[in-house]
Each structure stands twice: as structure tokens, then as C-alpha cells.
Amino acid sequence: MTSQGWLIPVVVGVVFVLLGLGAIIWGKREEKKYYDALVTRKDLREFFDRWPMRPEPGALKIGGWIAVAVGVAIAIIGGIFGAGA
């Protein structure tokens, strides 16, 4: 790689990690709001019918962890290429 070419994968990796952490936090907030809404409702129709539709908190958290893993891998690869330059 060029003298500064290794920096691009490191930056992309850090962006992936930040986006992944954001998705994890978003998923935890959505999950908390969902279960708090269940506690305050007299009927559990929202729980059984899944209406109104909400983003699935589990999917957000899993996607966040995947993005963190990919980001760390990309950043490590960029660091390895930077050390070899």
C-alpha cells in the first residue's frame, strides 16, 4: 500500500465499530421501550399482534455486533498493512 493507504481501512473499521455500537444502543433502547409499554398497557394486544410494527431490537443488536466485529477486523488489517509499510 502507499504510505498513507493503510489509513483508509483503519478509518473504515472505526466507522463500522461506531455504527455497530450505535445499533446496539438503539436496539437496547427499543427493547426497553417495548417492554415498558407492555407494563403500562391494560391489554396486551400490541404484544400478541405485533401492531404497531417496531424495529426488532434483537436484529438491531445482532447487526450491531456484526458491524463491530467487521470493523475491528478491517481496522486490524489496516494496522497490519500500516506496520508493514
Protein backbone atom coordinates (compact mmCIF):
# COMPACT_ATOMS: atom_id res chain seq x y z
CA MET A 1 0.00 0.00 0.00
CA THR A 2 1.03 3.59 -0.38
CA SER A 3 2.48 5.45 2.57
CA GLN A 4 -0.97 6.63 3.75
CA GLY A 5 -3.11 3.99 2.01
CA TRP A 6 -3.30 1.88 5.16
CA LEU A 7 -5.15 4.69 6.94
CA ILE A 8 -8.32 4.22 4.87
CA PRO A 9 -9.10 0.69 6.16
CA VAL A 10 -8.44 1.83 9.72
CA VAL A 11 -10.88 4.73 9.35
CA VAL A 12 -13.48 2.47 7.71
CA GLY A 13 -13.04 -0.02 10.55
CA VAL A 14 -13.54 2.66 13.17
CA VAL A 15 -16.67 3.88 11.37
CA PHE A 16 -18.05 0.33 11.34
CA VAL A 17 -17.35 -0.02 15.06
CA LEU A 18 -19.10 3.27 15.83
CA LEU A 19 -22.11 2.36 13.68
CA GLY A 20 -22.26 -1.05 15.33
CA LEU A 21 -22.19 0.44 18.81
CA GLY A 22 -24.92 2.86 17.77
CA ALA A 23 -27.08 -0.03 16.54
CA ILE A 24 -26.53 -1.95 19.78
CA ILE A 25 -27.54 1.05 21.88
CA TRP A 26 -30.56 1.70 19.63
CA GLY A 27 -31.64 -1.93 19.98
CA LYS A 28 -31.38 -1.82 23.76
CA ARG A 29 -33.45 1.38 23.89
CA GLU A 30 -36.12 -0.08 21.60
CA GLU A 31 -36.28 -3.23 23.71
CA LYS A 32 -36.65 -1.20 26.90
CA LYS A 33 -39.39 0.99 25.37
CA TYR A 34 -41.21 -2.10 24.12
CA TYR A 35 -41.24 -3.86 27.48
CA ASP A 36 -42.04 -0.65 29.36
CA ALA A 37 -45.04 -0.20 27.06
CA LEU A 38 -46.19 -3.72 27.93
CA VAL A 39 -46.12 -2.94 31.63
CA THR A 40 -48.29 0.16 31.30
CA ARG A 41 -50.93 -1.36 28.97
CA LYS A 42 -54.08 -2.89 30.32
CA ASP A 43 -54.39 -5.19 27.31
CA LEU A 44 -51.51 -6.96 25.65
CA ARG A 45 -52.80 -6.69 22.09
CA GLU A 46 -49.59 -4.97 20.95
CA PHE A 47 -47.57 -7.85 22.34
CA PHE A 48 -49.63 -10.55 20.66
CA ASP A 49 -50.47 -8.82 17.36
CA ARG A 50 -47.12 -7.02 16.95
CA TRP A 51 -49.02 -3.87 15.99
CA PRO A 52 -47.84 -1.14 15.59
CA MET A 53 -44.78 -2.56 13.90
CA ARG A 54 -41.47 -1.74 15.58
CA PRO A 55 -37.90 -2.46 14.58
CA GLU A 56 -36.93 -5.72 16.17
CA PRO A 57 -34.48 -4.94 18.98
CA GLY A 58 -32.78 -8.32 18.66
CA ALA A 59 -31.99 -7.74 15.00
CA LEU A 60 -30.55 -4.31 15.75
CA LYS A 61 -28.31 -5.71 18.48
CA ILE A 62 -27.11 -8.66 16.38
CA GLY A 63 -26.43 -6.37 13.42
CA GLY A 64 -24.53 -4.06 15.72
CA TRP A 65 -22.30 -6.86 16.98
CA ILE A 66 -21.64 -7.99 13.41
CA ALA A 67 -20.68 -4.43 12.42
CA VAL A 68 -18.36 -4.18 15.44
CA ALA A 69 -16.66 -7.47 14.51
CA VAL A 70 -16.24 -6.43 10.87
CA GLY A 71 -14.95 -3.01 11.91
CA VAL A 72 -12.37 -4.47 14.28
CA ALA A 73 -11.20 -6.90 11.58
CA ILE A 74 -10.87 -4.12 9.00
CA ALA A 75 -9.02 -1.87 11.46
CA ILE A 76 -6.61 -4.68 12.37
CA ILE A 77 -5.93 -5.43 8.71
CA GLY A 78 -5.30 -1.73 8.06
CA GLY A 79 -2.96 -1.61 11.05
CA ILE A 80 -1.04 -4.64 9.81
CA PHE A 81 -0.61 -3.06 6.37
CA GLY A 82 0.46 0.19 8.04
CA ALA A 83 3.09 -1.56 10.13
CA GLY A 84 4.49 -3.26 7.05
CA ALA A 85 4.81 -0.01 5.09
